Amino acid sequence: MITDVTEDLEPLRLRVAPASEVPFSDVEAVFGTRGDPAHCWCQWYKIPGSDWRRFGDDGLRDRLQEQLNASGIGRGLIAYDGETPVGWCAVEPRTDLPRVRLSTIVKGGTAHPDFDDDAVWAVSCFVVPRDHRGRGVARALAEAAVDFARAGGAVVVEAYAVDPKIRAKVSADALFHGTVSMFTHAGFAEIARPRPDRAIMQVELVESSR
């Protein structure tokens, strides 16, 4: 699946592809060698707290590579500006994220509290290198994530957004969840505010009787 997204923010045309279908070196280029992404490799929600310290940076990177190489449902998307990888988005069944079910933010706001339901997908993380921020990359990834989840059989796509208008100060690294306004522009609806600065956003892909 390849998705082209034309941005309203500036004349930037992005190509978004499943991360399992691109060279892993492109994923490495987005995560970089410094900062939180290079020390997490999108594994925070996948490893119980008691086990987290067993893995160094290399071990976490290897886990992500193994996940992307596994058969079946993919685990994320990579955005390109031309041939340059400019962003990552994690989107996958919520059942693959054991720490999500422990989150008071999620438990306090989700409309789908059955954490064993693999038809509920989550957009849990964005990585956009500093040189490519402020250009709508994360929004393009959020839009593509909905189509990706639908193709994977999702009934609902959930996200756990930050509202920087509420927080007095928000660092760039703290925005890895994505922002309320970004998800709104990508077609998500806010369904709950478990905390003033955090919102549960979702897209219903089919009418649900639950």
Protein backbone atom coordinates (compact mmCIF):
# COMPACT_ATOMS: atom_id res chain seq x y z
CA MET A 1 0.00 0.00 0.00
CA ILE A 2 1.38 3.40 -1.02
CA THR A 3 -0.47 6.59 -0.19
CA ASP A 4 0.25 10.03 -1.64
CA VAL A 5 -0.85 12.92 0.55
CA THR A 6 -0.97 16.54 -0.60
CA GLU A 7 -0.56 18.95 2.33
CA ASP A 8 -2.57 22.12 2.85
CA LEU A 9 0.11 23.60 5.09
CA GLU A 10 2.60 24.16 2.27
CA PRO A 11 3.19 22.68 -1.19
CA LEU A 12 4.71 19.46 0.11
CA ARG A 13 3.82 16.15 -1.47
CA LEU A 14 4.51 13.13 0.67
CA ARG A 15 4.59 9.45 -0.12
CA VAL A 16 3.60 7.23 2.82
CA ALA A 17 4.50 3.54 2.79
CA PRO A 18 4.22 0.62 5.22
CA ALA A 19 7.47 0.44 7.17
CA SER A 20 7.56 -3.32 6.58
CA GLU A 21 7.94 -2.68 2.84
CA VAL A 22 10.85 -0.21 2.92
CA PRO A 23 14.54 -0.69 3.72
CA PHE A 24 15.10 -0.74 7.47
CA SER A 25 17.87 1.80 6.90
CA ASP A 26 15.11 4.31 6.10
CA VAL A 27 13.49 3.58 9.47
CA GLU A 28 16.88 4.04 11.14
CA ALA A 29 17.32 7.37 9.35
CA VAL A 30 14.08 8.67 10.86
CA PHE A 31 14.81 7.45 14.39
CA GLY A 32 18.35 8.81 14.25
CA THR A 33 21.05 8.29 16.86
CA ARG A 34 20.11 10.88 19.49
CA GLY A 35 17.09 11.81 21.53
CA ASP A 36 14.18 9.73 22.78
CA PRO A 37 13.42 7.90 19.49
CA ALA A 38 16.94 6.42 19.35
CA HIS A 39 16.53 5.17 22.93
CA CYS A 40 13.04 3.74 22.52
CA TRP A 41 12.54 2.52 18.93
CA CYS A 42 8.78 2.58 19.52
CA GLN A 43 8.97 -0.21 22.09
CA TRP A 44 7.76 1.64 25.19
CA TYR A 45 4.17 0.43 24.93
CA LYS A 46 5.26 -3.10 24.00
CA ILE A 47 7.53 -4.01 26.92
CA PRO A 48 6.30 -4.29 30.52
CA GLY A 49 8.05 -1.92 32.90
CA SER A 50 9.76 -4.75 34.79
CA ASP A 51 11.47 -5.89 31.58
CA TRP A 52 12.35 -2.51 30.05
CA ARG A 53 15.86 -2.24 31.49
CA ARG A 54 16.90 -5.56 30.00
CA PHE A 55 17.13 -3.94 26.58
CA GLY A 56 19.73 -1.45 25.45
CA ASP A 57 19.33 0.77 22.41
CA ASP A 58 20.59 -1.94 20.07
CA GLY A 59 18.20 -4.49 21.53
CA LEU A 60 15.23 -2.16 21.11
CA ARG A 61 16.21 -1.41 17.51
CA ASP A 62 16.50 -5.14 16.80
CA ARG A 63 13.04 -5.73 18.28
CA LEU A 64 11.50 -3.14 15.96
CA GLN A 65 13.28 -4.65 12.97
CA GLU A 66 11.99 -8.11 13.90
CA GLN A 67 8.45 -6.75 14.26
CA LEU A 68 8.60 -5.11 10.84
CA ASN A 69 10.00 -8.29 9.28
CA ALA A 70 7.31 -10.51 10.79
CA SER A 71 4.59 -11.82 8.52
CA GLY A 72 1.05 -10.56 8.83
CA ILE A 73 -0.09 -7.12 9.91
CA GLY A 74 2.44 -4.30 9.67
CA ARG A 75 3.44 -2.13 12.58
CA GLY A 76 3.95 1.35 11.20
CA LEU A 77 4.34 3.79 8.34
CA ILE A 78 7.21 5.81 6.91
CA ALA A 79 6.69 9.16 5.14
CA TYR A 80 8.93 10.30 2.30
CA ASP A 81 9.59 13.69 0.79
CA GLY A 82 10.91 12.55 -2.57
CA GLU A 83 13.37 9.80 -1.68
CA THR A 84 14.11 11.17 1.81
CA PRO A 85 12.44 9.42 4.78
CA VAL A 86 10.96 12.21 6.93
CA GLY A 87 8.68 10.59 9.50
CA TRP A 88 7.41 7.49 11.30
CA CYS A 89 3.99 6.63 12.69
CA ALA A 90 3.21 3.54 14.78
CA VAL A 91 -0.23 2.11 13.96
CA GLU A 92 -1.21 -1.42 14.89
CA PRO A 93 -3.77 -3.47 16.84
CA ARG A 94 -4.07 -2.19 20.41
CA THR A 95 -3.63 -5.77 21.62
CA ASP A 96 0.04 -5.50 20.63
CA LEU A 97 0.59 -2.70 23.15
CA PRO A 98 0.41 -4.22 26.65
CA ARG A 99 1.24 -0.97 28.40
CA VAL A 100 -1.74 0.80 26.84
CA ARG A 101 -4.14 -1.30 28.89
CA LEU A 102 -2.37 -0.09 32.03
CA SER A 103 -2.57 3.59 31.10
CA THR A 104 -4.95 5.65 33.24
CA ILE A 105 -5.28 8.05 30.29
CA VAL A 106 -6.58 5.29 28.04
CA LYS A 107 -8.67 3.44 30.63
CA GLY A 108 -10.23 6.74 31.66
CA GLY A 109 -11.37 7.70 28.18
CA THR A 110 -11.57 4.87 25.67
CA ALA A 111 -14.98 4.03 24.25
CA HIS A 112 -13.76 0.47 23.65
CA PRO A 113 -12.57 -0.94 27.00
CA ASP A 114 -12.13 -4.52 25.79
CA PHE A 115 -8.36 -4.58 25.51
CA ASP A 116 -8.42 -8.06 23.99
CA ASP A 117 -10.32 -6.80 20.93
CA ASP A 118 -7.85 -6.85 18.03
CA ALA A 119 -10.22 -4.85 15.83
CA VAL A 120 -9.34 -1.76 17.86
CA TRP A 121 -6.14 -0.23 16.52
CA ALA A 122 -3.99 2.48 18.08
CA VAL A 123 -1.85 5.28 16.68
CA SER A 124 0.66 5.48 19.50
CA CYS A 125 3.78 7.29 18.31
CA PHE A 126 5.17 9.77 15.79
CA VAL A 127 8.80 10.50 15.02
CA VAL A 128 9.66 13.45 12.77
CA PRO A 129 13.33 14.52 12.61
CA ARG A 130 13.93 18.14 13.57
CA ASP A 131 14.74 19.29 10.02
CA HIS A 132 11.32 18.13 8.80
CA ARG A 133 9.05 19.44 11.56
CA GLY A 134 6.40 22.08 11.00
CA ARG A 135 5.61 20.83 7.50
CA GLY A 136 2.58 18.64 8.18
CA VAL A 137 4.45 15.32 8.14
CA ALA A 138 2.72 13.93 11.23
CA ARG A 139 -0.70 14.97 9.94
CA ALA A 140 -0.06 13.16 6.66
CA LEU A 141 0.96 10.07 8.59
CA ALA A 142 -2.16 10.25 10.78
CA GLU A 143 -4.36 10.42 7.68
CA ALA A 144 -2.56 7.48 6.09
CA ALA A 145 -2.79 5.51 9.35
CA VAL A 146 -6.58 5.40 9.06
CA ASP A 147 -6.44 3.80 5.60
CA PHE A 148 -3.70 1.43 6.76
CA ALA A 149 -5.76 0.30 9.76
CA ARG A 150 -8.88 -0.12 7.63
CA ALA A 151 -6.95 -2.34 5.21
CA GLY A 152 -5.75 -4.38 8.20
CA GLY A 153 -9.29 -5.08 9.37
CA ALA A 154 -9.65 -2.42 12.07
CA VAL A 155 -13.10 -1.35 13.24
CA VAL A 156 -11.81 1.60 15.27
CA VAL A 157 -8.59 3.62 15.25
CA GLU A 158 -7.73 5.27 18.57
CA ALA A 159 -5.14 7.91 19.45
CA TYR A 160 -4.02 9.54 22.71
CA ALA A 161 -3.37 13.14 21.82
CA VAL A 162 -1.66 15.98 23.67
CA ASP A 163 -3.28 19.43 23.74
CA PRO A 164 -0.40 21.94 23.79
CA LYS A 165 -2.89 24.80 24.25
CA ILE A 166 -3.55 23.52 27.77
CA ARG A 167 0.00 22.80 28.89
CA ALA A 168 2.11 25.77 29.87
CA LYS A 169 5.13 24.32 28.08
CA VAL A 170 5.46 21.29 25.85
CA SER A 171 8.77 20.03 24.51
CA ALA A 172 8.96 18.60 21.01
CA ASP A 173 9.77 15.17 22.44
CA ALA A 174 6.59 15.24 24.57
CA LEU A 175 4.48 15.50 21.41
CA PHE A 176 5.25 11.99 20.21
CA HIS A 177 1.59 11.06 20.84
CA GLY A 178 0.43 13.68 18.30
CA THR A 179 -1.68 16.76 19.01
CA VAL A 180 -5.42 17.26 19.23
CA SER A 181 -5.50 19.72 16.33
CA MET A 182 -3.42 17.44 14.13
CA PHE A 183 -5.73 14.48 14.65
CA THR A 184 -8.79 16.68 14.15
CA HIS A 185 -7.46 17.78 10.76
CA ALA A 186 -6.81 14.12 9.94
CA GLY A 187 -10.48 13.25 10.53
CA PHE A 188 -10.38 11.98 14.12
CA ALA A 189 -13.08 12.99 16.62
CA GLU A 190 -12.40 13.77 20.26
CA ILE A 191 -14.41 11.42 22.46
CA ALA A 192 -12.99 12.02 25.94
CA ARG A 193 -10.72 14.23 28.06
CA PRO A 194 -9.36 11.99 30.80
CA ARG A 195 -7.01 14.88 31.65
CA PRO A 196 -7.26 18.55 30.62
CA ASP A 197 -4.16 18.27 28.42
CA ARG A 198 -4.84 14.77 27.05
CA ALA A 199 -7.64 13.64 24.74
CA ILE A 200 -8.79 10.32 23.36
CA MET A 201 -9.34 10.70 19.62
CA GLN A 202 -10.87 8.07 17.37
CA VAL A 203 -12.18 7.19 13.94
CA GLU A 204 -14.98 4.65 13.64
CA LEU A 205 -14.32 2.75 10.41
CA VAL A 206 -17.58 0.80 10.45
CA GLU A 207 -20.73 1.18 12.48
CA SER A 208 -20.31 -0.75 15.67
CA SER A 209 -23.06 -2.39 17.69
CA ARG A 210 -20.86 -2.52 20.76
